[in-house]
């Protein structure tokens, strides 16, 4: 399962959203270095792993959807 970094709240708590929509509060220090909001993580062996490939794939897909939406609005 993948988790998306939704936000970082005061006090160093990160809100992760799982692919099934569940929200999880995770301490910032439990996450490895990442690319900020929208970063995608996998959870394996009780550890969050930053998945750069999945992050890039999802960001490209979102950018394409946004482009199509704005083109349609013109």
N, C-alpha and C. Protein backbone atom coordinates (compact mmCIF):
# COMPACT_ATOMS: atom_id res chain seq x y z
N UNK A 1 0.84 -1.17 0.00
CA UNK A 1 0.00 0.00 0.00
C UNK A 1 0.89 1.24 0.00
N UNK A 2 0.40 2.27 -0.67
CA UNK A 2 1.12 3.54 -0.72
C UNK A 2 0.45 4.56 0.18
N UNK A 3 1.25 5.53 0.63
CA UNK A 3 0.78 6.63 1.46
C UNK A 3 1.28 7.93 0.87
N UNK A 4 0.41 8.93 0.83
CA UNK A 4 0.77 10.24 0.31
C UNK A 4 0.90 11.22 1.47
N UNK A 5 1.96 12.04 1.45
CA UNK A 5 2.14 13.06 2.48
C UNK A 5 1.18 14.20 2.18
N UNK A 6 0.15 14.33 3.01
CA UNK A 6 -0.88 15.34 2.83
C UNK A 6 -0.46 16.68 3.40
N UNK A 7 0.11 16.66 4.61
CA UNK A 7 0.54 17.91 5.24
C UNK A 7 1.44 17.60 6.43
N UNK A 8 2.16 18.64 6.84
CA UNK A 8 2.98 18.58 8.05
C UNK A 8 2.41 19.62 9.00
N UNK A 9 1.98 19.17 10.16
CA UNK A 9 1.35 20.06 11.13
C UNK A 9 2.37 20.52 12.16
N UNK A 10 1.97 21.57 12.90
CA UNK A 10 2.81 22.05 13.98
C UNK A 10 3.10 20.90 14.94
N UNK A 11 4.28 20.90 15.49
CA UNK A 11 4.66 19.85 16.41
C UNK A 11 5.31 18.67 15.73
N UNK A 12 5.54 18.79 14.43
CA UNK A 12 6.25 17.73 13.72
C UNK A 12 5.44 16.48 13.44
N UNK A 13 4.12 16.65 13.29
CA UNK A 13 3.26 15.51 12.96
C UNK A 13 2.90 15.59 11.48
N UNK A 14 3.08 14.50 10.78
CA UNK A 14 2.74 14.41 9.37
C UNK A 14 1.43 13.66 9.22
N UNK A 15 0.60 14.12 8.31
CA UNK A 15 -0.64 13.41 8.00
C UNK A 15 -0.42 12.69 6.67
N UNK A 16 -0.50 11.38 6.73
CA UNK A 16 -0.38 10.55 5.54
C UNK A 16 -1.76 10.03 5.17
N UNK A 17 -2.04 9.98 3.87
CA UNK A 17 -3.29 9.44 3.37
C UNK A 17 -2.97 8.17 2.60
N UNK A 18 -3.55 7.07 3.05
CA UNK A 18 -3.35 5.79 2.37
C UNK A 18 -4.18 5.75 1.09
N UNK A 19 -3.84 4.83 0.21
CA UNK A 19 -4.58 4.69 -1.04
C UNK A 19 -6.06 4.40 -0.81
N UNK A 20 -6.40 3.81 0.34
CA UNK A 20 -7.80 3.52 0.64
C UNK A 20 -8.52 4.69 1.32
N UNK A 21 -7.81 5.85 1.48
CA UNK A 21 -8.41 7.04 2.03
C UNK A 21 -8.23 7.22 3.54
N UNK A 22 -7.72 6.22 4.22
CA UNK A 22 -7.49 6.33 5.66
C UNK A 22 -6.39 7.34 5.95
N UNK A 23 -6.56 8.11 7.03
CA UNK A 23 -5.56 9.10 7.45
C UNK A 23 -4.74 8.54 8.60
N UNK A 24 -3.45 8.84 8.58
CA UNK A 24 -2.55 8.39 9.63
C UNK A 24 -1.68 9.56 10.06
N UNK A 25 -1.58 9.76 11.37
CA UNK A 25 -0.66 10.75 11.93
C UNK A 25 0.65 10.05 12.25
N UNK A 26 1.73 10.58 11.69
CA UNK A 26 3.05 9.96 11.83
C UNK A 26 4.04 11.04 12.23
N UNK A 27 4.91 10.76 13.20
CA UNK A 27 5.93 11.76 13.55
C UNK A 27 6.84 12.04 12.35
N UNK A 28 7.17 13.30 12.17
CA UNK A 28 8.04 13.69 11.06
C UNK A 28 9.35 12.90 11.07
N UNK A 29 9.87 12.64 12.26
CA UNK A 29 11.15 11.92 12.32
C UNK A 29 11.02 10.43 11.98
N UNK A 30 9.79 9.95 11.73
CA UNK A 30 9.59 8.56 11.30
C UNK A 30 9.69 8.43 9.78
N UNK A 31 9.74 9.59 9.08
CA UNK A 31 9.82 9.57 7.62
C UNK A 31 11.25 9.85 7.17
N UNK A 32 11.66 9.19 6.09
CA UNK A 32 12.98 9.46 5.53
C UNK A 32 12.96 10.78 4.76
N UNK A 33 14.10 11.26 4.32
CA UNK A 33 14.11 12.46 3.46
C UNK A 33 13.19 12.22 2.26
N UNK A 34 12.49 13.29 1.85
CA UNK A 34 11.50 13.16 0.79
C UNK A 34 11.41 14.47 0.03
N UNK A 35 10.46 14.57 -0.91
CA UNK A 35 10.29 15.75 -1.77
C UNK A 35 9.16 16.67 -1.30
N UNK A 36 8.76 16.57 -0.05
CA UNK A 36 7.74 17.46 0.49
C UNK A 36 6.32 16.95 0.28
N UNK A 37 5.37 17.88 0.39
CA UNK A 37 3.96 17.54 0.28
C UNK A 37 3.72 16.81 -1.04
N UNK A 38 2.95 15.74 -0.97
CA UNK A 38 2.67 14.93 -2.15
C UNK A 38 3.62 13.77 -2.34
N UNK A 39 4.66 13.70 -1.51
CA UNK A 39 5.59 12.58 -1.60
C UNK A 39 4.86 11.28 -1.29
N UNK A 40 5.28 10.21 -1.95
CA UNK A 40 4.65 8.90 -1.78
C UNK A 40 5.62 7.98 -1.03
N UNK A 41 5.04 7.25 -0.07
CA UNK A 41 5.81 6.32 0.75
C UNK A 41 5.19 4.93 0.68
N UNK A 42 6.03 3.93 0.86
CA UNK A 42 5.60 2.55 1.06
C UNK A 42 5.95 2.21 2.51
N UNK A 43 5.20 1.32 3.13
CA UNK A 43 5.49 0.90 4.49
C UNK A 43 5.91 -0.55 4.45
N UNK A 44 7.18 -0.80 4.77
CA UNK A 44 7.72 -2.16 4.75
C UNK A 44 8.57 -2.38 5.98
N UNK A 45 8.41 -3.53 6.59
CA UNK A 45 9.21 -3.90 7.75
C UNK A 45 9.20 -2.81 8.82
N UNK A 46 7.99 -2.28 9.07
CA UNK A 46 7.78 -1.26 10.10
C UNK A 46 8.55 0.03 9.84
N UNK A 47 8.80 0.31 8.55
CA UNK A 47 9.53 1.51 8.16
C UNK A 47 8.87 2.14 6.94
N UNK A 48 8.78 3.47 6.94
CA UNK A 48 8.30 4.19 5.76
C UNK A 48 9.47 4.41 4.81
N UNK A 49 9.26 4.09 3.55
CA UNK A 49 10.27 4.26 2.52
C UNK A 49 9.76 5.23 1.48
N UNK A 50 10.55 6.26 1.19
CA UNK A 50 10.18 7.22 0.15
C UNK A 50 10.29 6.55 -1.21
N UNK A 51 9.23 6.63 -2.00
CA UNK A 51 9.21 6.02 -3.33
C UNK A 51 9.25 7.13 -4.38
N UNK A 52 10.44 7.47 -4.81
CA UNK A 52 10.63 8.56 -5.76
C UNK A 52 9.94 8.28 -7.09
N UNK A 53 10.00 7.05 -7.56
CA UNK A 53 9.39 6.70 -8.84
C UNK A 53 7.88 6.88 -8.78
N UNK A 54 7.25 6.38 -7.73
CA UNK A 54 5.79 6.52 -7.61
C UNK A 54 5.40 7.98 -7.42
N UNK A 55 6.22 8.74 -6.68
CA UNK A 55 5.96 10.17 -6.49
C UNK A 55 5.96 10.88 -7.83
N UNK A 56 6.96 10.62 -8.64
CA UNK A 56 7.08 11.26 -9.96
C UNK A 56 5.92 10.86 -10.86
N UNK A 57 5.58 9.58 -10.86
CA UNK A 57 4.48 9.09 -11.69
C UNK A 57 3.17 9.76 -11.33
N UNK A 58 2.88 9.85 -10.05
CA UNK A 58 1.61 10.45 -9.61
C UNK A 58 1.59 11.95 -9.86
N UNK A 59 2.70 12.62 -9.67
CA UNK A 59 2.74 14.07 -9.92
C UNK A 59 2.53 14.36 -11.40
N UNK A 60 3.10 13.55 -12.28
CA UNK A 60 2.90 13.73 -13.71
C UNK A 60 1.45 13.50 -14.09
N UNK A 61 0.84 12.48 -13.50
CA UNK A 61 -0.57 12.18 -13.79
C UNK A 61 -1.47 13.34 -13.33
N UNK A 62 -1.20 13.88 -12.15
CA UNK A 62 -1.99 15.00 -11.64
C UNK A 62 -1.79 16.24 -12.51
N UNK A 63 -0.55 16.50 -12.92
CA UNK A 63 -0.28 17.67 -13.78
C UNK A 63 -1.03 17.55 -15.10
N UNK A 64 -1.08 16.35 -15.66
CA UNK A 64 -1.80 16.14 -16.91
C UNK A 64 -3.29 16.33 -16.73
N UNK A 65 -3.86 15.84 -15.63
CA UNK A 65 -5.28 16.05 -15.35
C UNK A 65 -5.58 17.53 -15.19
N UNK A 66 -4.71 18.24 -14.49
CA UNK A 66 -4.89 19.68 -14.28
C UNK A 66 -4.84 20.42 -15.62
N UNK A 67 -3.89 20.05 -16.48
CA UNK A 67 -3.77 20.69 -17.79
C UNK A 67 -5.03 20.48 -18.61
N UNK A 68 -5.55 19.23 -18.61
CA UNK A 68 -6.77 18.95 -19.38
C UNK A 68 -7.96 19.72 -18.81
N UNK A 69 -8.04 19.85 -17.51
CA UNK A 69 -9.13 20.58 -16.89
C UNK A 69 -9.09 22.05 -17.27
N UNK A 70 -7.92 22.66 -17.23
CA UNK A 70 -7.80 24.07 -17.59
C UNK A 70 -8.03 24.28 -19.09
N UNK A 71 -7.58 23.34 -19.91
CA UNK A 71 -7.84 23.44 -21.35
C UNK A 71 -9.33 23.37 -21.63
N UNK A 72 -10.04 22.54 -20.89
CA UNK A 72 -11.47 22.38 -21.08
C UNK A 72 -12.21 23.65 -20.64
N UNK A 73 -11.69 24.34 -19.64
CA UNK A 73 -12.34 25.54 -19.11
C UNK A 73 -12.17 26.75 -20.02
N UNK A 74 -11.23 26.70 -20.94
CA UNK A 74 -10.98 27.84 -21.83
C UNK A 74 -12.08 28.02 -22.85
